[in-house]
Amino acid sequence: QNNKYIPKDAVAREDGLRTSNGFAKKHALRQIVNNPEYINSAASDAKLQEVRQIVRQCQREGRKIVIFCAYEAQAQKYAEEFKKLNPAIYTGSTSKNGDKKDMKSRPMKFKKGDAGDQSHGWLFDAAGRPIPDENGETMSELDYERITFQNAADRQLLIATYDAGSVGTTFTAGKAMILDDLPRDCVEEIQAEDRIHRIDPNRLTHPDVKYFRMKS
């Protein structure tokens, strides 16, 4: 009965809300829990209210926060909700953007050096951002989002999808994690948790990390 409200755009395709045969009921029902607007409902968004409280609490404690979402649409929703925190976005859509680009959609290049970022040698300015350099190297937008979250003081939040961020990367600047939705299985959940549970002597801002799981 609510089929007409479920989006048919690129984000909905990324999230698998629709299949070649029409409507993926499991994902659509989960998204209705995530966002009542999916069925044109004016009901208050209980999950969002709770996440706001958690984010405020973590901010008071000086913790950078990582939110893991199952859906691209949910990640975009949080990005808009918390835009004042200048969130880093680590999702499939970010990956598809390719290299980090300037305002004229030209690939940007950044400076490298022996004293830079441990794994790739990027050099940073005083604000913790990669230094543009015409003679440098290009960087993927996905790497730019992660690196600036890790190093820039003004990026207090990273929003990731399980598909993009649960394996093969580190978010050790994060000292709190919100698991917004269920991953595919327990392996993916453990892998996601481990993104902030890593030894990193350069980012020992707190003696512990905190995890929050949204029941819905």
Protein backbone atom coordinates (compact mmCIF):
# COMPACT_ATOMS: atom_id res chain seq x y z
CA GLN A 1 0.00 0.00 0.00
CA ASN A 2 2.99 2.32 0.55
CA ASN A 3 4.80 1.33 -2.62
CA LYS A 4 4.33 4.78 -4.15
CA TYR A 5 6.33 6.43 -1.36
CA ILE A 6 9.43 4.22 -1.64
CA PRO A 7 12.09 6.09 -3.67
CA LYS A 8 13.17 4.91 -7.11
CA ASP A 9 16.32 7.03 -7.37
CA ALA A 10 20.01 6.07 -7.51
CA VAL A 11 20.28 5.90 -3.71
CA ALA A 12 17.36 3.48 -3.53
CA ARG A 13 19.08 1.30 -6.13
CA GLU A 14 22.33 1.47 -4.15
CA ASP A 15 20.43 0.30 -1.07
CA GLY A 16 18.58 -2.47 -2.89
CA LEU A 17 15.13 -1.13 -2.06
CA ARG A 18 13.95 -2.19 -5.48
CA THR A 19 14.80 -5.23 -7.58
CA SER A 20 14.17 -6.07 -11.22
CA ASN A 21 10.85 -7.53 -10.05
CA GLY A 22 9.82 -4.42 -8.17
CA PHE A 23 9.91 -4.05 -4.43
CA ALA A 24 12.33 -5.54 -1.85
CA LYS A 25 10.01 -5.75 1.16
CA LYS A 26 12.64 -6.53 3.84
CA HIS A 27 14.75 -3.47 3.02
CA ALA A 28 11.76 -1.19 2.59
CA LEU A 29 10.35 -2.18 6.00
CA ARG A 30 13.71 -1.53 7.65
CA GLN A 31 13.94 1.85 5.98
CA ILE A 32 10.49 2.79 7.29
CA VAL A 33 11.87 2.23 10.80
CA ASN A 34 14.84 4.41 9.86
CA ASN A 35 12.74 7.20 8.43
CA PRO A 36 8.94 7.48 8.82
CA GLU A 37 8.87 9.81 5.80
CA TYR A 38 9.33 6.71 3.64
CA ILE A 39 5.59 6.07 4.06
CA ASN A 40 4.67 9.76 4.13
CA SER A 41 4.26 9.60 7.90
CA ALA A 42 4.53 12.67 10.11
CA ALA A 43 5.38 10.50 13.13
CA SER A 44 8.39 11.60 15.16
CA ASP A 45 11.64 9.90 14.19
CA ALA A 46 12.43 8.07 17.43
CA LYS A 47 15.73 6.63 16.24
CA LEU A 48 17.01 10.03 15.13
CA GLN A 49 16.07 11.58 18.47
CA GLU A 50 18.07 8.92 20.30
CA VAL A 51 21.10 9.30 18.02
CA ARG A 52 21.04 13.08 18.59
CA GLN A 53 21.28 12.48 22.34
CA ILE A 54 24.17 10.05 21.94
CA VAL A 55 26.06 12.45 19.68
CA ARG A 56 25.59 15.30 22.15
CA GLN A 57 26.81 13.11 25.00
CA CYS A 58 29.92 12.08 23.06
CA GLN A 59 30.62 15.69 22.11
CA ARG A 60 30.53 16.69 25.79
CA GLU A 61 33.13 13.98 26.42
CA GLY A 62 35.29 15.24 23.55
CA ARG A 63 34.90 12.03 21.56
CA LYS A 64 34.97 11.82 17.80
CA ILE A 65 32.13 9.58 16.62
CA VAL A 66 31.71 6.93 13.91
CA ILE A 67 28.19 5.98 12.78
CA PHE A 68 27.77 2.75 10.82
CA CYS A 69 24.65 2.47 8.65
CA ALA A 70 23.30 -0.40 6.58
CA TYR A 71 21.84 2.01 4.01
CA GLU A 72 23.22 4.84 1.89
CA ALA A 73 19.98 6.77 2.39
CA GLN A 74 20.38 6.61 6.17
CA ALA A 75 23.98 7.82 5.90
CA GLN A 76 22.84 10.78 3.79
CA LYS A 77 20.10 11.55 6.30
CA TYR A 78 22.62 11.70 9.15
CA ALA A 79 24.98 13.79 7.02
CA GLU A 80 22.25 16.39 6.64
CA GLU A 81 21.18 16.20 10.28
CA PHE A 82 24.73 16.68 11.60
CA LYS A 83 26.13 18.96 8.90
CA LYS A 84 27.29 21.46 11.55
CA LEU A 85 29.82 18.82 12.65
CA ASN A 86 31.28 18.75 9.12
CA PRO A 87 30.90 14.96 8.88
CA ALA A 88 33.15 12.75 6.78
CA ILE A 89 31.13 10.46 4.49
CA TYR A 90 32.54 6.98 3.87
CA THR A 91 30.00 5.21 1.66
CA GLY A 92 29.62 3.55 -1.72
CA SER A 93 28.53 6.80 -3.30
CA THR A 94 31.69 8.52 -2.04
CA SER A 95 33.79 5.72 -3.53
CA LYS A 96 32.10 6.11 -6.90
CA ASN A 97 33.14 9.77 -7.01
CA GLY A 98 36.73 8.68 -7.68
CA ASP A 99 39.47 11.23 -7.06
CA LYS A 100 38.96 14.21 -4.76
CA LYS A 101 38.02 17.16 -6.97
CA ASP A 102 38.06 20.94 -6.67
CA MET A 103 35.14 23.33 -7.20
CA LYS A 104 35.59 23.03 -10.98
CA SER A 105 35.45 19.21 -10.84
CA ARG A 106 39.17 18.88 -11.57
CA PRO A 107 41.15 16.17 -9.73
CA MET A 108 43.16 17.68 -6.89
CA LYS A 109 46.76 16.79 -6.07
CA PHE A 110 48.27 16.73 -2.58
CA LYS A 111 51.77 16.91 -1.15
CA LYS A 112 53.68 13.85 0.01
CA GLY A 113 56.83 13.47 2.07
CA ASP A 114 58.86 11.14 4.27
CA ALA A 115 57.50 12.71 7.46
CA GLY A 116 53.84 12.41 6.49
CA ASP A 117 50.98 10.04 7.19
CA GLN A 118 52.40 6.68 8.26
CA SER A 119 50.80 4.55 5.58
CA HIS A 120 50.80 6.82 2.53
CA GLY A 121 53.08 9.77 3.29
CA TRP A 122 50.53 12.58 2.92
CA LEU A 123 51.56 15.88 4.49
CA PHE A 124 49.10 17.98 6.49
CA ASP A 125 48.65 21.67 7.25
CA ALA A 126 48.18 23.07 10.76
CA ALA A 127 44.44 22.27 10.59
CA GLY A 128 45.12 18.59 9.87
CA ARG A 129 44.14 18.64 6.20
CA PRO A 130 46.18 17.34 3.24
CA ILE A 131 48.20 20.11 1.59
CA PRO A 132 47.26 20.85 -2.05
CA ASP A 133 50.27 20.63 -4.39
CA GLU A 134 50.23 20.87 -8.19
CA ASN A 135 53.23 18.53 -8.29
CA GLY A 136 51.76 16.09 -5.82
CA GLU A 137 49.54 13.04 -6.25
CA THR A 138 45.81 12.57 -6.57
CA MET A 139 43.83 11.13 -3.69
CA SER A 140 40.50 9.32 -3.80
CA GLU A 141 37.59 11.16 -2.21
CA LEU A 142 37.08 8.13 0.03
CA ASP A 143 40.65 8.44 1.37
CA TYR A 144 40.23 12.20 1.77
CA GLU A 145 37.16 11.68 3.97
CA ARG A 146 38.91 9.16 6.19
CA ILE A 147 42.20 11.07 6.44
CA THR A 148 40.55 14.37 7.35
CA PHE A 149 38.41 12.63 10.01
CA GLN A 150 41.57 11.10 11.42
CA ASN A 151 43.56 14.34 11.47
CA ALA A 152 41.37 17.46 11.28
CA ALA A 153 40.02 18.89 14.53
CA ASP A 154 36.91 20.29 12.81
CA ARG A 155 35.71 16.87 11.61
CA GLN A 156 34.06 15.36 14.66
CA LEU A 157 31.93 12.73 12.95
CA LEU A 158 32.36 10.03 10.31
CA ILE A 159 29.33 8.34 8.73
CA ALA A 160 29.98 5.03 6.99
CA THR A 161 28.06 2.17 5.46
CA TYR A 162 29.01 -1.38 6.38
CA ASP A 163 29.72 -2.19 2.74
CA ALA A 164 32.25 0.63 2.38
CA GLY A 165 33.84 0.88 5.80
CA SER A 166 33.64 -2.33 7.85
CA VAL A 167 36.80 -3.93 6.41
CA GLY A 168 40.27 -2.76 5.42
CA THR A 169 40.37 0.73 6.89
CA THR A 170 40.87 2.43 10.26
CA PHE A 171 38.93 5.18 12.02
CA THR A 172 41.09 5.26 15.16
CA ALA A 173 40.37 8.95 15.81
CA GLY A 174 36.86 7.77 16.68
CA LYS A 175 36.33 7.10 20.37
CA ALA A 176 32.64 6.22 20.08
CA MET A 177 30.69 4.16 17.57
CA ILE A 178 26.95 4.05 16.88
CA LEU A 179 25.78 0.91 15.08
CA ASP A 180 22.67 2.39 13.54
CA ASP A 181 21.33 -0.75 11.92
CA LEU A 182 22.02 -4.47 11.74
CA PRO A 183 24.91 -5.61 9.53
CA ARG A 184 24.59 -8.71 7.37
CA ASP A 185 26.07 -11.04 10.00
CA CYS A 186 28.16 -11.19 13.18
CA VAL A 187 31.42 -11.19 11.20
CA GLU A 188 30.59 -7.84 9.61
CA GLU A 189 29.57 -6.48 13.00
CA ILE A 190 32.87 -7.49 14.62
CA GLN A 191 34.82 -6.08 11.69
CA ALA A 192 32.97 -2.77 11.95
CA GLU A 193 33.61 -2.56 15.71
CA ASP A 194 37.33 -3.09 15.10
CA ARG A 195 37.64 0.05 12.97
CA ILE A 196 38.04 2.15 16.16
CA HIS A 197 39.44 -0.63 18.36
CA ARG A 198 43.02 -0.45 17.10
CA ILE A 199 46.37 0.43 18.69
CA ASP A 200 47.23 3.95 17.55
CA PRO A 201 49.73 5.82 19.78
CA ASN A 202 49.12 9.07 17.87
CA ARG A 203 45.43 9.22 18.83
CA LEU A 204 45.26 8.24 22.49
CA THR A 205 42.73 10.89 23.41
CA HIS A 206 40.63 8.65 25.70
CA PRO A 207 41.35 5.54 27.81
CA ASP A 208 38.38 3.72 26.30
CA VAL A 209 36.03 3.53 23.32
CA LYS A 210 32.25 3.41 23.56
CA TYR A 211 29.72 1.45 21.50
CA PHE A 212 26.01 2.12 21.06
CA ARG A 213 23.69 -0.31 19.26
CA MET A 214 20.30 0.86 18.04
CA LYS A 215 17.81 -1.91 18.75
CA SER A 216 15.53 -0.99 15.89
